[in-house]
Amino acid sequence: MADVDSPPDPEVVRVLRALSNPVRLQLLSWLRDPERHFVLDGAIADPAEVGVCVSHIQAKVGLAQSTVSAFMAELERAGLVRATRVGKWTHYKRDEQRIARFVGLLGRELTPED
C-alpha cells in the first residue's frame, strides 16, 4: 500500500481535475479523431497536424467561445492538449505523449505496491 504520508503525484491531480468535467473529457475524446467529430468546413489548417480551431469546437459543443476557450485552457494546463496559433485563431491538438505518460502515472498511483 502507498505510504500514507506521501501525497499523490501533482501531475495526476492536475489531469484528474481537468478531466473531472464531463464536457472537457468529451472534448478530449473528440480530438482523438477530429475529422470524424468536427465539421471542418473552412478550416485554415490541417487538423491532423495543427489541431482543431476553437470556432469548430464551439460549433460542435454549442457553448460560448469564452467557455470553450476556458475548457481548452484547462486541458492545456494539464498537458493533455497543445495550443497552436494560426493567424488570430487558436487550434488545439491532443498531446498523445503526455496522455500516455499520465496513464502510466495513474497506473502507478492506483496499483498496490508489492
C-alpha atoms as a PDB file:
ATOM      1  CA  MET A   1       0.000   0.000   0.000  1.00  0.00           C
ATOM      2  CA  ALA A   2       1.198   3.528  -0.731  1.00  0.00           C
ATOM      3  CA  ASP A   3       2.768   5.470   2.092  1.00  0.00           C
ATOM      4  CA  VAL A   4       0.001   7.456   3.792  1.00  0.00           C
ATOM      5  CA  ASP A   5       2.348  10.394   4.237  1.00  0.00           C
ATOM      6  CA  SER A   6       3.215  10.726   0.540  1.00  0.00           C
ATOM      7  CA  PRO A   7       0.804  12.910  -1.421  1.00  0.00           C
ATOM      8  CA  PRO A   8      -0.393  11.862  -4.870  1.00  0.00           C
ATOM      9  CA  ASP A   9       1.670  12.973  -7.854  1.00  0.00           C
ATOM     10  CA  PRO A  10       0.707  16.637  -8.569  1.00  0.00           C
ATOM     11  CA  GLU A  11       0.566  15.932 -12.308  1.00  0.00           C
ATOM     12  CA  VAL A  12      -2.007  13.178 -11.747  1.00  0.00           C
ATOM     13  CA  VAL A  13      -4.097  15.521  -9.594  1.00  0.00           C
ATOM     14  CA  ARG A  14      -3.933  18.298 -12.224  1.00  0.00           C
ATOM     15  CA  VAL A  15      -5.033  15.949 -15.024  1.00  0.00           C
ATOM     16  CA  LEU A  16      -7.805  14.368 -12.998  1.00  0.00           C
ATOM     17  CA  ARG A  17      -9.087  17.819 -12.108  1.00  0.00           C
ATOM     18  CA  ALA A  18      -9.160  18.776 -15.800  1.00  0.00           C
ATOM     19  CA  LEU A  19     -10.950  15.538 -16.718  1.00  0.00           C
ATOM     20  CA  SER A  20     -13.471  15.797 -13.878  1.00  0.00           C
ATOM     21  CA  ASN A  21     -15.665  17.992 -16.069  1.00  0.00           C
ATOM     22  CA  PRO A  22     -17.667  15.769 -18.472  1.00  0.00           C
ATOM     23  CA  VAL A  23     -17.525  18.347 -21.287  1.00  0.00           C
ATOM     24  CA  ARG A  24     -13.733  18.630 -21.094  1.00  0.00           C
ATOM     25  CA  LEU A  25     -13.486  14.838 -21.098  1.00  0.00           C
ATOM     26  CA  GLN A  26     -15.748  14.704 -24.173  1.00  0.00           C
ATOM     27  CA  LEU A  27     -13.696  17.375 -25.959  1.00  0.00           C
ATOM     28  CA  LEU A  28     -10.508  15.409 -25.368  1.00  0.00           C
ATOM     29  CA  SER A  29     -12.208  12.301 -26.725  1.00  0.00           C
ATOM     30  CA  TRP A  30     -13.444  14.101 -29.854  1.00  0.00           C
ATOM     31  CA  LEU A  31      -9.973  15.464 -30.532  1.00  0.00           C
ATOM     32  CA  ARG A  32      -8.694  11.891 -30.887  1.00  0.00           C
ATOM     33  CA  ASP A  33     -10.338  11.789 -34.342  1.00  0.00           C
ATOM     34  CA  PRO A  34     -11.063  15.392 -35.387  1.00  0.00           C
ATOM     35  CA  GLU A  35     -12.117  14.626 -38.966  1.00  0.00           C
ATOM     36  CA  ARG A  36     -14.819  12.307 -37.645  1.00  0.00           C
ATOM     37  CA  HIS A  37     -16.142  14.523 -34.866  1.00  0.00           C
ATOM     38  CA  PHE A  38     -15.935  18.082 -36.178  1.00  0.00           C
ATOM     39  CA  VAL A  39     -17.374  19.828 -39.213  1.00  0.00           C
ATOM     40  CA  LEU A  40     -14.191  21.368 -40.560  1.00  0.00           C
ATOM     41  CA  ASP A  41     -15.600  23.446 -43.415  1.00  0.00           C
ATOM     42  CA  GLY A  42     -13.432  26.495 -43.860  1.00  0.00           C
ATOM     43  CA  ALA A  43     -10.597  25.120 -41.742  1.00  0.00           C
ATOM     44  CA  ILE A  44      -7.437  27.152 -42.336  1.00  0.00           C
ATOM     45  CA  ALA A  45      -5.069  24.467 -41.027  1.00  0.00           C
ATOM     46  CA  ASP A  46      -4.780  20.698 -41.188  1.00  0.00           C
ATOM     47  CA  PRO A  47      -6.494  19.331 -38.073  1.00  0.00           C
ATOM     48  CA  ALA A  48      -4.255  16.253 -38.057  1.00  0.00           C
ATOM     49  CA  GLU A  49      -1.132  18.429 -37.907  1.00  0.00           C
ATOM     50  CA  VAL A  50      -2.188  21.612 -36.127  1.00  0.00           C
ATOM     51  CA  GLY A  51      -5.437  20.699 -34.393  1.00  0.00           C
ATOM     52  CA  VAL A  52      -8.980  21.989 -34.392  1.00  0.00           C
ATOM     53  CA  CYS A  53      -9.868  25.671 -34.250  1.00  0.00           C
ATOM     54  CA  VAL A  54     -11.795  26.888 -31.207  1.00  0.00           C
ATOM     55  CA  SER A  55     -14.598  28.037 -33.519  1.00  0.00           C
ATOM     56  CA  HIS A  56     -15.077  24.468 -34.804  1.00  0.00           C
ATOM     57  CA  ILE A  57     -15.021  23.115 -31.258  1.00  0.00           C
ATOM     58  CA  GLN A  58     -17.540  25.760 -30.232  1.00  0.00           C
ATOM     59  CA  ALA A  59     -19.866  24.836 -33.106  1.00  0.00           C
ATOM     60  CA  LYS A  60     -19.752  21.165 -32.084  1.00  0.00           C
ATOM     61  CA  VAL A  61     -20.283  21.621 -28.366  1.00  0.00           C
ATOM     62  CA  GLY A  62     -22.718  24.552 -28.573  1.00  0.00           C
ATOM     63  CA  LEU A  63     -21.180  26.632 -25.802  1.00  0.00           C
ATOM     64  CA  ALA A  64     -19.948  30.221 -25.762  1.00  0.00           C
ATOM     65  CA  GLN A  65     -16.497  30.838 -27.217  1.00  0.00           C
ATOM     66  CA  SER A  66     -15.240  32.049 -23.840  1.00  0.00           C
ATOM     67  CA  THR A  67     -16.405  28.825 -22.157  1.00  0.00           C
ATOM     68  CA  VAL A  68     -14.781  26.653 -24.822  1.00  0.00           C
ATOM     69  CA  SER A  69     -11.553  28.652 -24.550  1.00  0.00           C
ATOM     70  CA  ALA A  70     -11.575  28.245 -20.758  1.00  0.00           C
ATOM     71  CA  PHE A  71     -12.167  24.488 -21.081  1.00  0.00           C
ATOM     72  CA  MET A  72      -9.363  24.117 -23.611  1.00  0.00           C
ATOM     73  CA  ALA A  73      -7.010  26.228 -21.484  1.00  0.00           C
ATOM     74  CA  GLU A  74      -7.647  23.882 -18.558  1.00  0.00           C
ATOM     75  CA  LEU A  75      -6.845  20.863 -20.739  1.00  0.00           C
ATOM     76  CA  GLU A  76      -3.704  22.649 -21.932  1.00  0.00           C
ATOM     77  CA  ARG A  77      -2.561  23.466 -18.377  1.00  0.00           C
ATOM     78  CA  ALA A  78      -2.996  19.772 -17.550  1.00  0.00           C
ATOM     79  CA  GLY A  79      -0.755  18.923 -20.516  1.00  0.00           C
ATOM     80  CA  LEU A  80      -3.428  16.990 -22.402  1.00  0.00           C
ATOM     81  CA  VAL A  81      -3.596  19.282 -25.444  1.00  0.00           C
ATOM     82  CA  ARG A  82      -1.265  21.697 -27.207  1.00  0.00           C
ATOM     83  CA  ALA A  83      -2.373  25.071 -28.490  1.00  0.00           C
ATOM     84  CA  THR A  84      -1.098  26.487 -31.773  1.00  0.00           C
ATOM     85  CA  ARG A  85      -1.881  29.951 -33.096  1.00  0.00           C
ATOM     86  CA  VAL A  86      -2.660  30.211 -36.793  1.00  0.00           C
ATOM     87  CA  GLY A  87      -3.215  33.871 -37.528  1.00  0.00           C
ATOM     88  CA  LYS A  88      -5.735  35.090 -34.983  1.00  0.00           C
ATOM     89  CA  TRP A  89      -7.138  31.596 -34.368  1.00  0.00           C
ATOM     90  CA  THR A  90      -6.106  29.101 -31.715  1.00  0.00           C
ATOM     91  CA  HIS A  91      -6.090  25.420 -32.654  1.00  0.00           C
ATOM     92  CA  TYR A  92      -5.931  22.517 -30.205  1.00  0.00           C
ATOM     93  CA  LYS A  93      -4.480  19.072 -30.675  1.00  0.00           C
ATOM     94  CA  ARG A  94      -4.147  16.184 -28.220  1.00  0.00           C
ATOM     95  CA  ASP A  95      -0.679  15.623 -26.795  1.00  0.00           C
ATOM     96  CA  GLU A  96      -0.563  11.851 -27.153  1.00  0.00           C
ATOM     97  CA  GLN A  97       2.808  11.504 -25.405  1.00  0.00           C
ATOM     98  CA  ARG A  98       1.609  13.399 -22.340  1.00  0.00           C
ATOM     99  CA  ILE A  99      -1.647  11.428 -22.284  1.00  0.00           C
ATOM    100  CA  ALA A 100       0.306   8.151 -22.373  1.00  0.00           C
ATOM    101  CA  ARG A 101       2.565   9.451 -19.595  1.00  0.00           C
ATOM    102  CA  PHE A 102      -0.475  10.327 -17.489  1.00  0.00           C
ATOM    103  CA  VAL A 103      -1.950   6.853 -17.977  1.00  0.00           C
ATOM    104  CA  GLY A 104       1.312   5.372 -16.731  1.00  0.00           C
ATOM    105  CA  LEU A 105       1.446   7.714 -13.731  1.00  0.00           C
ATOM    106  CA  LEU A 106      -2.159   6.959 -12.860  1.00  0.00           C
ATOM    107  CA  GLY A 107      -1.459   3.245 -13.046  1.00  0.00           C
ATOM    108  CA  ARG A 108       1.440   3.633 -10.624  1.00  0.00           C
ATOM    109  CA  GLU A 109      -0.693   5.735  -8.255  1.00  0.00           C
ATOM    110  CA  LEU A 110      -3.520   3.194  -8.188  1.00  0.00           C
ATOM    111  CA  THR A 111      -1.601  -0.077  -8.339  1.00  0.00           C
ATOM    112  CA  PRO A 112      -0.768  -1.658  -4.983  1.00  0.00           C
ATOM    113  CA  GLU A 113       2.912  -1.955  -4.154  1.00  0.00           C
ATOM    114  CA  ASP A 114       4.364  -5.445  -3.772  1.00  0.00           C
END
